Amino acid sequence: MYNKVILVGNLTRDIELRYSQGGMGIASTGLATSRKFTSNGEKKEEVCFIDITFFARSAEIANQYLRKGSKILVEGRLNFDQWVDQNGQKRSKHSVVVETMQMLDSKGSAQSGADEYPAQQNQPAQQSYQQHSYGQPQSYQKPSTQQMPDNSSIPVIDIDEDEIPF
């Protein structure tokens, strides 16, 4: 099975950092991401709020450099949390366990209290998207140059945007 989530958004609150008994950092916060669309000629925006959790060194880095409002790209896996609240009610929610993250704010627009980001973390999103959780950027290889087909061999497909399910 494959479980991969990629989100870009802004943090909804400051990082809450704690440590496990073994000394591993665990940081949690929320992420707000939005989708703009038009419905019946009216422009609308849909916002999705999701809790995210960082572990180990990335938890400490997130706590050091991220603040409420920071824009980040996260890659991770969807997790289903279940618990019983104080009233004895069963509760559940989905959250994202972050495997890699990229800070998207520029140095000049860093939120209050945040100093300059390390150079490796301040790369443009297009380049840093390939960064793995172990910190080594994946090498990018330019696709081989292939001859493009002429326009007469490309089929024309008429699709109404309202029919697309995403």
Protein backbone atom coordinates (compact mmCIF):
# COMPACT_ATOMS: atom_id res chain seq x y z
CA MET A 1 0.00 0.00 0.00
CA TYR A 2 1.05 3.56 -0.64
CA ASN A 3 0.43 6.38 1.84
CA LYS A 4 1.92 9.73 0.78
CA VAL A 5 0.64 13.26 1.42
CA ILE A 6 2.12 16.50 0.08
CA LEU A 7 0.78 19.77 1.47
CA VAL A 8 1.72 23.43 1.17
CA GLY A 9 0.26 25.87 3.64
CA ASN A 10 0.72 28.14 6.63
CA LEU A 11 1.14 27.09 10.24
CA THR A 12 -1.95 27.84 12.33
CA ARG A 13 -0.08 27.99 15.63
CA ASP A 14 3.45 27.97 17.07
CA ILE A 15 5.26 24.64 17.36
CA GLU A 16 4.69 22.64 20.56
CA LEU A 17 7.91 20.71 21.24
CA ARG A 18 8.21 17.90 23.79
CA TYR A 19 10.57 14.98 24.23
CA SER A 20 9.90 11.25 24.58
CA GLN A 21 11.39 9.25 27.46
CA GLY A 22 14.12 8.18 25.05
CA GLY A 23 15.01 11.82 24.32
CA MET A 24 13.49 12.03 20.81
CA GLY A 25 11.90 15.35 19.90
CA ILE A 26 8.19 15.37 19.04
CA ALA A 27 6.74 18.60 17.66
CA SER A 28 3.15 19.26 16.77
CA THR A 29 1.30 22.12 15.11
CA GLY A 30 -1.46 22.74 12.61
CA LEU A 31 -1.36 23.54 8.90
CA ALA A 32 -3.93 25.47 6.89
CA THR A 33 -4.06 24.92 3.16
CA SER A 34 -6.57 26.41 0.76
CA ARG A 35 -8.10 25.81 -2.63
CA LYS A 36 -9.60 28.59 -4.74
CA PHE A 37 -12.30 27.74 -7.26
CA THR A 38 -15.27 29.18 -9.12
CA SER A 39 -18.77 27.83 -8.59
CA ASN A 40 -21.69 29.23 -10.59
CA GLY A 41 -19.57 32.24 -11.55
CA GLU A 42 -18.78 33.03 -7.92
CA LYS A 43 -15.18 32.85 -6.69
CA LYS A 44 -14.87 30.72 -3.56
CA GLU A 45 -12.10 29.52 -1.27
CA GLU A 46 -12.06 26.28 0.68
CA VAL A 47 -9.67 25.99 3.63
CA CYS A 48 -8.52 22.69 5.10
CA PHE A 49 -6.95 22.48 8.56
CA ILE A 50 -4.79 19.48 9.41
CA ASP A 51 -2.63 18.64 12.42
CA ILE A 52 0.98 17.75 11.62
CA THR A 53 3.68 16.05 13.71
CA PHE A 54 7.46 16.20 13.33
CA PHE A 55 9.89 13.73 14.93
CA ALA A 56 13.57 13.68 15.92
CA ARG A 57 15.85 16.37 14.48
CA SER A 58 13.17 17.79 12.19
CA ALA A 59 11.05 18.49 15.31
CA GLU A 60 13.87 20.57 16.78
CA ILE A 61 14.50 22.40 13.50
CA ALA A 62 10.79 23.14 13.09
CA ASN A 63 10.65 24.50 16.65
CA GLN A 64 13.70 26.69 16.05
CA TYR A 65 12.75 28.21 12.68
CA LEU A 66 8.97 28.03 12.28
CA ARG A 67 6.29 30.24 13.83
CA LYS A 68 2.56 30.73 13.42
CA GLY A 69 2.00 31.89 9.83
CA SER A 70 5.20 30.32 8.43
CA LYS A 71 4.69 28.89 4.95
CA ILE A 72 5.98 25.34 4.48
CA LEU A 73 5.79 22.34 2.19
CA VAL A 74 5.50 19.01 3.98
CA GLU A 75 5.65 15.45 2.70
CA GLY A 76 4.53 12.67 4.93
CA ARG A 77 1.99 9.98 5.62
CA LEU A 78 -1.61 10.20 6.66
CA ASN A 79 -2.24 8.86 10.16
CA PHE A 80 -5.57 7.99 11.82
CA ASP A 81 -5.55 8.83 15.55
CA GLN A 82 -8.16 7.38 17.96
CA TRP A 83 -8.65 8.08 21.67
CA VAL A 84 -11.25 8.33 24.42
CA ASP A 85 -11.83 11.86 25.75
CA GLN A 86 -12.42 12.89 29.38
CA ASN A 87 -16.17 12.30 29.00
CA GLY A 88 -15.64 8.71 27.84
CA GLN A 89 -16.50 9.53 24.22
CA LYS A 90 -14.54 7.87 21.41
CA ARG A 91 -12.76 10.50 19.32
CA SER A 92 -10.73 10.31 16.13
CA LYS A 93 -8.98 12.51 13.60
CA HIS A 94 -6.61 12.31 10.67
CA SER A 95 -3.19 13.92 10.94
CA VAL A 96 0.01 13.96 8.91
CA VAL A 97 3.32 12.55 10.18
CA VAL A 98 5.95 14.70 8.47
CA GLU A 99 8.80 12.86 6.77
CA THR A 100 10.32 15.85 4.94
CA MET A 101 9.64 19.54 5.03
CA GLN A 102 10.73 22.66 3.21
CA MET A 103 10.49 26.17 4.61
CA LEU A 104 9.06 28.42 1.91
CA ASP A 105 9.27 31.84 3.60
CA SER A 106 12.09 34.06 2.39
CA LYS A 107 14.64 35.42 4.84
CA GLY A 108 13.17 38.92 4.56
CA SER A 109 9.61 37.80 5.33
CA ALA A 110 10.48 35.54 8.27
CA GLN A 111 7.97 35.74 11.09
CA SER A 112 8.75 37.44 14.41
CA GLY A 113 11.53 35.81 16.36
CA ALA A 114 12.77 33.70 13.47
CA ASP A 115 16.34 34.36 12.43
CA GLU A 116 17.83 33.51 9.06
CA TYR A 117 17.21 29.98 7.88
CA PRO A 118 20.19 27.73 7.23
CA ALA A 119 21.26 28.00 3.59
CA GLN A 120 20.26 24.40 2.86
CA GLN A 121 16.71 25.05 4.12
CA ASN A 122 16.23 28.29 2.15
CA GLN A 123 16.33 26.89 -1.38
CA PRO A 124 13.44 27.63 -3.74
CA ALA A 125 10.66 25.05 -3.50
CA GLN A 126 11.27 23.68 -6.99
CA GLN A 127 14.84 22.72 -6.18
CA SER A 128 14.37 21.59 -2.60
CA TYR A 129 11.31 19.44 -3.26
CA GLN A 130 13.69 16.56 -3.99
CA GLN A 131 15.34 16.85 -0.55
CA HIS A 132 15.08 13.64 1.46
CA SER A 133 14.56 13.38 5.20
CA TYR A 134 18.19 12.41 5.70
CA GLY A 135 19.25 15.83 4.41
CA GLN A 136 20.99 14.92 1.17
CA PRO A 137 19.45 16.56 -1.92
CA GLN A 138 18.62 14.13 -4.67
CA SER A 139 20.53 14.91 -7.83
CA TYR A 140 18.44 16.31 -10.63
CA GLN A 141 19.01 15.04 -14.11
CA LYS A 142 17.67 17.01 -17.03
CA PRO A 143 15.37 14.86 -19.19
CA SER A 144 16.94 13.72 -22.41
CA THR A 145 16.11 15.84 -25.43
CA GLN A 146 13.57 14.08 -27.57
CA GLN A 147 12.07 15.20 -30.83
CA MET A 148 8.60 16.65 -30.27
CA PRO A 149 5.80 15.26 -32.46
CA ASP A 150 4.21 17.64 -34.92
CA ASN A 151 0.84 19.13 -33.96
CA SER A 152 -1.07 17.02 -36.48
CA SER A 153 -0.35 13.81 -34.53
CA ILE A 154 -1.55 15.18 -31.16
CA PRO A 155 -5.22 14.34 -30.54
CA VAL A 156 -7.58 17.11 -29.44
CA ILE A 157 -9.50 16.22 -26.28
CA ASP A 158 -12.48 18.35 -25.29
CA ILE A 159 -12.96 18.12 -21.50
CA ASP A 160 -15.28 20.27 -19.44
CA GLU A 161 -13.46 21.41 -16.26
CA ASP A 162 -16.58 20.72 -14.17
CA GLU A 163 -16.28 17.01 -15.03
CA ILE A 164 -12.80 16.65 -13.52
CA PRO A 165 -13.17 15.04 -10.05
CA PHE A 166 -10.30 16.95 -8.44
